[in-house]
PDB file of N, CA and C in Angstrom:
ATOM      1  N   MET A   1     -73.446  42.525 -40.308  1.00  0.00           N
ATOM      2  CA  MET A   1     -72.936  43.842 -39.971  1.00  0.00           C
ATOM      3  C   MET A   1     -71.899  43.314 -38.529  1.00  0.00           C
ATOM      4  N   LYS A   2     -71.003  44.171 -38.531  1.00  0.00           N
ATOM      5  CA  LYS A   2     -70.088  44.298 -37.351  1.00  0.00           C
ATOM      6  C   LYS A   2     -70.450  45.100 -35.958  1.00  0.00           C
ATOM      7  N   GLY A   3     -71.751  45.294 -35.979  1.00  0.00           N
ATOM      8  CA  GLY A   3     -72.089  46.125 -34.803  1.00  0.00           C
ATOM      9  C   GLY A   3     -71.488  47.532 -34.232  1.00  0.00           C
ATOM     10  N   TYR A   4     -71.952  48.092 -33.056  1.00  0.00           N
ATOM     11  CA  TYR A   4     -71.112  48.631 -32.564  1.00  0.00           C
ATOM     12  C   TYR A   4     -69.781  48.228 -31.380  1.00  0.00           C
ATOM     13  N   ALA A   5     -69.207  49.213 -31.378  1.00  0.00           N
ATOM     14  CA  ALA A   5     -67.933  49.001 -30.836  1.00  0.00           C
ATOM     15  C   ALA A   5     -68.479  48.533 -28.662  1.00  0.00           C
ATOM     16  N   SER A   6     -68.211  47.868 -28.135  1.00  0.00           N
ATOM     17  CA  SER A   6     -68.559  47.588 -26.739  1.00  0.00           C
ATOM     18  C   SER A   6     -68.805  48.737 -25.983  1.00  0.00           C
ATOM     19  N   SER A   7     -67.262  49.691 -26.208  1.00  0.00           N
ATOM     20  CA  SER A   7     -66.879  50.818 -25.379  1.00  0.00           C
ATOM     21  C   SER A   7     -68.696  51.985 -25.931  1.00  0.00           C
ATOM     22  N   PHE A   8     -68.308  52.038 -26.771  1.00  0.00           N
ATOM     23  CA  PHE A   8     -69.557  52.524 -27.552  1.00  0.00           C
ATOM     24  C   PHE A   8     -71.041  52.397 -26.857  1.00  0.00           C
ATOM     25  N   ILE A   9     -71.212  51.319 -27.309  1.00  0.00           N
ATOM     26  CA  ILE A   9     -72.758  50.460 -26.234  1.00  0.00           C
ATOM     27  C   ILE A   9     -72.783  51.269 -24.648  1.00  0.00           C
ATOM     28  N   ASN A  10     -71.643  50.641 -23.812  1.00  0.00           N
ATOM     29  CA  ASN A  10     -71.561  51.266 -23.153  1.00  0.00           C
ATOM     30  C   ASN A  10     -71.421  52.950 -22.440  1.00  0.00           C
ATOM     31  N   GLU A  11     -71.344  53.899 -23.548  1.00  0.00           N
ATOM     32  CA  GLU A  11     -71.598  55.387 -22.896  1.00  0.00           C
ATOM     33  C   GLU A  11     -73.002  55.723 -23.384  1.00  0.00           C
ATOM     34  N   VAL A  12     -73.500  55.314 -23.996  1.00  0.00           N
ATOM     35  CA  VAL A  12     -74.900  55.005 -25.001  1.00  0.00           C
ATOM     36  C   VAL A  12     -75.830  54.627 -23.246  1.00  0.00           C
ATOM     37  N   ASN A  13     -75.554  53.495 -23.128  1.00  0.00           N
ATOM     38  CA  ASN A  13     -76.294  52.822 -22.041  1.00  0.00           C
ATOM     39  C   ASN A  13     -76.255  53.842 -20.872  1.00  0.00           C
ATOM     40  N   ALA A  14     -75.220  54.785 -20.328  1.00  0.00           N
ATOM     41  CA  ALA A  14     -75.322  54.870 -19.825  1.00  0.00           C
ATOM     42  C   ALA A  14     -75.558  57.358 -19.416  1.00  0.00           C
ATOM     43  N   SER A  15     -75.773  56.878 -20.449  1.00  0.00           N
ATOM     44  CA  SER A  15     -76.399  58.418 -21.298  1.00  0.00           C
ATOM     45  C   SER A  15     -77.994  58.722 -20.324  1.00  0.00           C
ATOM     46  N   ASP A  16     -78.264  60.029 -20.844  1.00  0.00           N
ATOM     47  CA  ASP A  16     -79.522  60.370 -20.310  1.00  0.00           C
ATOM     48  C   ASP A  16     -80.311  59.594 -21.494  1.00  0.00           C
ATOM     49  N   LYS A  17     -81.725  59.006 -20.813  1.00  0.00           N
ATOM     50  CA  LYS A  17     -82.402  58.031 -21.961  1.00  0.00           C
ATOM     51  C   LYS A  17     -83.396  58.822 -21.624  1.00  0.00           C
ATOM     52  N   SER A  18     -83.473  59.904 -21.086  1.00  0.00           N
ATOM     53  CA  SER A  18     -85.218  61.192 -21.559  1.00  0.00           C
ATOM     54  C   SER A  18     -84.473  61.771 -22.890  1.00  0.00           C
ATOM     55  N   LYS A  19     -83.344  61.824 -23.456  1.00  0.00           N
ATOM     56  CA  LYS A  19     -82.937  62.527 -24.549  1.00  0.00           C
ATOM     57  C   LYS A  19     -83.583  61.514 -26.297  1.00  0.00           C
ATOM     58  N   ILE A  20     -83.969  62.011 -27.060  1.00  0.00           N
ATOM     59  CA  ILE A  20     -84.142  61.143 -27.758  1.00  0.00           C
ATOM     60  C   ILE A  20     -83.701  61.079 -28.995  1.00  0.00           C
ATOM     61  N   GLY A  21     -82.382  61.655 -28.641  1.00  0.00           N
ATOM     62  CA  GLY A  21     -80.780  61.042 -29.856  1.00  0.00           C
ATOM     63  C   GLY A  21     -80.525  59.630 -28.773  1.00  0.00           C
ATOM     64  N   VAL A  22     -80.029  60.045 -27.850  1.00  0.00           N
ATOM     65  CA  VAL A  22     -79.906  58.545 -26.965  1.00  0.00           C
ATOM     66  C   VAL A  22     -80.661  57.515 -27.636  1.00  0.00           C
ATOM     67  N   GLN A  23     -82.354  57.960 -26.800  1.00  0.00           N
ATOM     68  CA  GLN A  23     -83.547  56.912 -27.931  1.00  0.00           C
ATOM     69  C   GLN A  23     -82.956  55.773 -28.956  1.00  0.00           C
ATOM     70  N   LEU A  24     -82.480  56.932 -29.656  1.00  0.00           N
ATOM     71  CA  LEU A  24     -82.195  56.525 -30.942  1.00  0.00           C
ATOM     72  C   LEU A  24     -81.327  55.409 -31.229  1.00  0.00           C
ATOM     73  N   GLY A  25     -80.283  56.289 -30.744  1.00  0.00           N
ATOM     74  CA  GLY A  25     -78.811  55.435 -30.491  1.00  0.00           C
ATOM     75  C   GLY A  25     -79.071  54.216 -29.473  1.00  0.00           C
ATOM     76  N   LEU A  26     -80.409  53.692 -28.626  1.00  0.00           N
ATOM     77  CA  LEU A  26     -80.236  52.587 -28.292  1.00  0.00           C
ATOM     78  C   LEU A  26     -80.902  51.426 -28.953  1.00  0.00           C
ATOM     79  N   ILE A  27     -81.931  52.231 -29.482  1.00  0.00           N
ATOM     80  CA  ILE A  27     -82.593  51.161 -30.652  1.00  0.00           C
ATOM     81  C   ILE A  27     -81.863  50.928 -31.903  1.00  0.00           C
ATOM     82  N   CYS A  28     -80.828  51.449 -32.331  1.00  0.00           N
ATOM     83  CA  CYS A  28     -80.326  51.229 -33.018  1.00  0.00           C
ATOM     84  C   CYS A  28     -79.117  50.041 -33.205  1.00  0.00           C
ATOM     85  N   ILE A  29     -78.426  50.281 -31.579  1.00  0.00           N
ATOM     86  CA  ILE A  29     -77.704  49.390 -31.129  1.00  0.00           C
ATOM     87  C   ILE A  29     -78.611  47.804 -30.862  1.00  0.00           C
ATOM     88  N   LYS A  30     -79.657  48.353 -30.871  1.00  0.00           N
ATOM     89  CA  LYS A  30     -80.685  46.911 -30.336  1.00  0.00           C
ATOM     90  C   LYS A  30     -80.442  45.776 -31.684  1.00  0.00           C
ATOM     91  N   ARG A  31     -81.034  47.224 -32.927  1.00  0.00           N
ATOM     92  CA  ARG A  31     -81.458  46.167 -34.028  1.00  0.00           C
ATOM     93  C   ARG A  31     -79.753  46.467 -35.129  1.00  0.00           C
ATOM     94  N   ASP A  32     -79.194  46.684 -34.625  1.00  0.00           N
ATOM     95  CA  ASP A  32     -77.662  47.146 -35.433  1.00  0.00           C
ATOM     96  C   ASP A  32     -78.108  47.981 -36.715  1.00  0.00           C
ATOM     97  N   ILE A  33     -78.575  49.031 -36.676  1.00  0.00           N
ATOM     98  CA  ILE A  33     -78.847  49.585 -37.707  1.00  0.00           C
ATOM     99  C   ILE A  33     -77.427  50.841 -37.471  1.00  0.00           C
ATOM    100  N   PRO A  34     -76.872  50.708 -38.970  1.00  0.00           N
ATOM    101  CA  PRO A  34     -75.587  51.326 -38.876  1.00  0.00           C
ATOM    102  C   PRO A  34     -75.682  53.369 -38.938  1.00  0.00           C
ATOM    103  N   VAL A  35     -74.827  53.532 -38.050  1.00  0.00           N
ATOM    104  CA  VAL A  35     -74.314  54.731 -38.421  1.00  0.00           C
ATOM    105  C   VAL A  35     -74.924  55.383 -39.454  1.00  0.00           C
ATOM    106  N   THR A  36     -74.265  55.076 -40.521  1.00  0.00           N
ATOM    107  CA  THR A  36     -74.353  55.586 -41.998  1.00  0.00           C
ATOM    108  C   THR A  36     -75.898  55.678 -42.399  1.00  0.00           C
ATOM    109  N   ASP A  37     -76.512  54.769 -41.895  1.00  0.00           N
ATOM    110  CA  ASP A  37     -77.891  54.739 -42.379  1.00  0.00           C
ATOM    111  C   ASP A  37     -78.861  56.065 -41.820  1.00  0.00           C
ATOM    112  N   ILE A  38     -78.625  56.051 -40.489  1.00  0.00           N
ATOM    113  CA  ILE A  38     -79.110  57.574 -39.525  1.00  0.00           C
ATOM    114  C   ILE A  38     -78.844  58.373 -40.633  1.00  0.00           C
ATOM    115  N   SER A  39     -77.404  58.772 -40.556  1.00  0.00           N
ATOM    116  CA  SER A  39     -76.652  59.987 -41.106  1.00  0.00           C
ATOM    117  C   SER A  39     -77.374  60.827 -42.538  1.00  0.00           C
ATOM    118  N   GLN A  40     -77.744  59.520 -42.928  1.00  0.00           N
ATOM    119  CA  GLN A  40     -77.477  60.012 -44.488  1.00  0.00           C
ATOM    120  C   GLN A  40     -79.702  60.312 -44.127  1.00  0.00           C
ATOM    121  N   PHE A  41     -80.395  59.356 -44.037  1.00  0.00           N
ATOM    122  CA  PHE A  41     -81.721  59.563 -43.442  1.00  0.00           C
ATOM    123  C   PHE A  41     -82.283  61.413 -42.698  1.00  0.00           C
ATOM    124  N   PHE A  42     -80.830  61.506 -41.741  1.00  0.00           N
ATOM    125  CA  PHE A  42     -81.184  62.883 -41.132  1.00  0.00           C
ATOM    126  C   PHE A  42     -80.064  63.945 -42.352  1.00  0.00           C
ATOM    127  N   ASP A  43     -79.421  63.643 -42.969  1.00  0.00           N
ATOM    128  CA  ASP A  43     -78.204  64.267 -44.444  1.00  0.00           C
ATOM    129  C   ASP A  43     -77.438  65.002 -42.968  1.00  0.00           C
ATOM    130  N   VAL A  44     -76.813  64.534 -41.985  1.00  0.00           N
ATOM    131  CA  VAL A  44     -75.946  65.138 -41.064  1.00  0.00           C
ATOM    132  C   VAL A  44     -74.431  63.620 -41.179  1.00  0.00           C
ATOM    133  N   SER A  45     -73.500  64.431 -40.639  1.00  0.00           N
ATOM    134  CA  SER A  45     -72.690  63.687 -40.103  1.00  0.00           C
ATOM    135  C   SER A  45     -72.245  62.291 -39.547  1.00  0.00           C
ATOM    136  N   ARG A  46     -71.863  61.272 -39.748  1.00  0.00           N
ATOM    137  CA  ARG A  46     -71.967  60.075 -38.976  1.00  0.00           C
ATOM    138  C   ARG A  46     -71.395  60.452 -37.229  1.00  0.00           C
ATOM    139  N   MET A  47     -70.785  61.792 -37.337  1.00  0.00           N
ATOM    140  CA  MET A  47     -69.971  62.087 -35.824  1.00  0.00           C
ATOM    141  C   MET A  47     -71.222  62.758 -35.383  1.00  0.00           C
ATOM    142  N   THR A  48     -71.945  63.196 -36.074  1.00  0.00           N
ATOM    143  CA  THR A  48     -73.020  64.258 -35.851  1.00  0.00           C
ATOM    144  C   THR A  48     -74.063  63.085 -35.312  1.00  0.00           C
ATOM    145  N   ILE A  49     -74.239  62.205 -35.848  1.00  0.00           N
ATOM    146  CA  ILE A  49     -75.108  61.291 -34.883  1.00  0.00           C
ATOM    147  C   ILE A  49     -74.776  60.788 -33.574  1.00  0.00           C
ATOM    148  N   TYR A  50     -73.052  60.569 -33.803  1.00  0.00           N
ATOM    149  CA  TYR A  50     -72.450  59.220 -32.712  1.00  0.00           C
ATOM    150  C   TYR A  50     -72.911  60.395 -31.420  1.00  0.00           C
ATOM    151  N   SER A  51     -72.710  61.660 -31.961  1.00  0.00           N
ATOM    152  CA  SER A  51     -72.933  62.367 -30.581  1.00  0.00           C
ATOM    153  C   SER A  51     -73.985  62.510 -30.087  1.00  0.00           C
ATOM    154  N   TRP A  52     -75.211  62.893 -30.701  1.00  0.00           N
ATOM    155  CA  TRP A  52     -77.029  62.727 -30.575  1.00  0.00           C
ATOM    156  C   TRP A  52     -76.810  61.244 -29.950  1.00  0.00           C
ATOM    157  N   PHE A  53     -76.795  59.841 -30.334  1.00  0.00           N
ATOM    158  CA  PHE A  53     -76.496  58.678 -29.700  1.00  0.00           C
ATOM    159  C   PHE A  53     -75.926  58.775 -27.995  1.00  0.00           C
ATOM    160  N   ARG A  54     -74.901  59.350 -27.949  1.00  0.00           N
ATOM    161  CA  ARG A  54     -74.366  60.033 -27.032  1.00  0.00           C
ATOM    162  C   ARG A  54     -75.024  60.943 -25.858  1.00  0.00           C
ATOM    163  N   GLY A  55     -75.673  61.625 -26.063  1.00  0.00           N
ATOM    164  CA  GLY A  55     -76.061  62.604 -25.686  1.00  0.00           C
ATOM    165  C   GLY A  55     -75.459  63.761 -25.112  1.00  0.00           C
ATOM    166  N   LYS A  56     -74.111  63.791 -26.575  1.00  0.00           N
ATOM    167  CA  LYS A  56     -72.819  64.945 -26.276  1.00  0.00           C
ATOM    168  C   LYS A  56     -73.768  65.922 -26.175  1.00  0.00           C
ATOM    169  N   THR A  57     -74.681  65.956 -27.191  1.00  0.00           N
ATOM    170  CA  THR A  57     -75.267  67.527 -27.859  1.00  0.00           C
ATOM    171  C   THR A  57     -77.199  66.828 -28.471  1.00  0.00           C
ATOM    172  N   ASN A  58     -77.628  67.916 -28.018  1.00  0.00           N
ATOM    173  CA  ASN A  58     -79.274  68.011 -28.080  1.00  0.00           C
ATOM    174  C   ASN A  58     -79.030  68.171 -30.097  1.00  0.00           C
ATOM    175  N   VAL A  59     -80.575  67.147 -30.172  1.00  0.00           N
ATOM    176  CA  VAL A  59     -80.853  67.212 -31.593  1.00  0.00           C
ATOM    177  C   VAL A  59     -81.403  68.648 -31.699  1.00  0.00           C
ATOM    178  N   PRO A  60     -81.515  69.036 -32.908  1.00  0.00           N
ATOM    179  CA  PRO A  60     -82.204  70.545 -33.412  1.00  0.00           C
ATOM    180  C   PRO A  60     -83.474  70.076 -33.412  1.00  0.00           C
ATOM    181  N   GLU A  61     -84.330  71.496 -33.305  1.00  0.00           N
ATOM    182  CA  GLU A  61     -85.427  71.534 -33.479  1.00  0.00           C
ATOM    183  C   GLU A  61     -85.754  71.431 -35.352  1.00  0.00           C
ATOM    184  N   LYS A  62     -84.772  71.529 -35.668  1.00  0.00           N
ATOM    185  CA  LYS A  62     -85.060  70.916 -37.239  1.00  0.00           C
ATOM    186  C   LYS A  62     -85.591  69.672 -37.646  1.00  0.00           C
ATOM    187  N   HIS A  63     -84.880  68.814 -36.694  1.00  0.00           N
ATOM    188  CA  HIS A  63     -85.397  67.375 -36.636  1.00  0.00           C
ATOM    189  C   HIS A  63     -85.649  66.767 -35.889  1.00  0.00           C
ATOM    190  N   ARG A  64     -86.232  66.911 -34.286  1.00  0.00           N
ATOM    191  CA  ARG A  64     -86.763  66.544 -33.511  1.00  0.00           C
ATOM    192  C   ARG A  64     -88.111  65.663 -34.077  1.00  0.00           C
ATOM    193  N   ASP A  65     -88.927  66.163 -34.387  1.00  0.00           N
ATOM    194  CA  ASP A  65     -90.329  65.470 -35.115  1.00  0.00           C
ATOM    195  C   ASP A  65     -89.668  64.398 -35.726  1.00  0.00           C
ATOM    196  N   LYS A  66     -89.216  64.376 -36.809  1.00  0.00           N
ATOM    197  CA  LYS A  66     -88.307  63.244 -37.678  1.00  0.00           C
ATOM    198  C   LYS A  66     -87.959  62.387 -36.784  1.00  0.00           C
ATOM    199  N   MET A  67     -87.253  62.183 -35.602  1.00  0.00           N
ATOM    200  CA  MET A  67     -86.795  61.503 -35.796  1.00  0.00           C
ATOM    201  C   MET A  67     -87.155  60.806 -34.298  1.00  0.00           C
ATOM    202  N   GLN A  68     -88.411  61.765 -33.436  1.00  0.00           N
ATOM    203  CA  GLN A  68     -89.522  61.266 -32.857  1.00  0.00           C
ATOM    204  C   GLN A  68     -90.475  59.636 -33.372  1.00  0.00           C
ATOM    205  N   LYS A  69     -90.627  60.931 -34.513  1.00  0.00           N
ATOM    206  CA  LYS A  69     -91.763  59.264 -35.680  1.00  0.00           C
ATOM    207  C   LYS A  69     -90.820  58.434 -35.858  1.00  0.00           C
ATOM    208  N   LEU A  70     -88.980  58.376 -36.437  1.00  0.00           N
ATOM    209  CA  LEU A  70     -87.952  57.243 -36.073  1.00  0.00           C
ATOM    210  C   LEU A  70     -88.498  56.388 -34.799  1.00  0.00           C
ATOM    211  N   VAL A  71     -88.065  56.810 -34.269  1.00  0.00           N
ATOM    212  CA  VAL A  71     -88.122  56.171 -33.067  1.00  0.00           C
ATOM    213  C   VAL A  71     -89.452  55.495 -32.261  1.00  0.00           C
ATOM    214  N   ASP A  72     -90.225  55.910 -32.733  1.00  0.00           N
ATOM    215  CA  ASP A  72     -91.351  55.606 -32.497  1.00  0.00           C
ATOM    216  C   ASP A  72     -91.972  53.867 -33.793  1.00  0.00           C
ATOM    217  N   LYS A  73     -91.377  54.246 -34.680  1.00  0.00           N
ATOM    218  CA  LYS A  73     -91.746  53.884 -35.606  1.00  0.00           C
ATOM    219  C   LYS A  73     -90.940  52.201 -35.346  1.00  0.00           C
ATOM    220  N   LEU A  74     -89.476  52.773 -34.729  1.00  0.00           N
ATOM    221  CA  LEU A  74     -88.531  51.525 -34.509  1.00  0.00           C
ATOM    222  C   LEU A  74     -88.621  50.017 -32.838  1.00  0.00           C
ATOM    223  N   LYS A  75     -89.565  50.901 -32.557  1.00  0.00           N
ATOM    224  CA  LYS A  75     -89.414  50.345 -30.645  1.00  0.00           C
ATOM    225  C   LYS A  75     -89.930  49.542 -30.857  1.00  0.00           C
TER     226      LYS A  75
END
């Protein structure tokens, strides 16, 4: 896998780690899990996932439980 761009990694690392989307982003970066896989899992666009990973937008309530379970499983 190609992995994530260093500028993106730096942006996620500088984000609010209390946000569940950022937590998942850090895990995906560490494990080299493609954004495409996550976007398919949540049935949203890759741009939405990038926004969640950066902490730019909050994960909607309807996805939070599923995301928390995924974060807990991948930790």
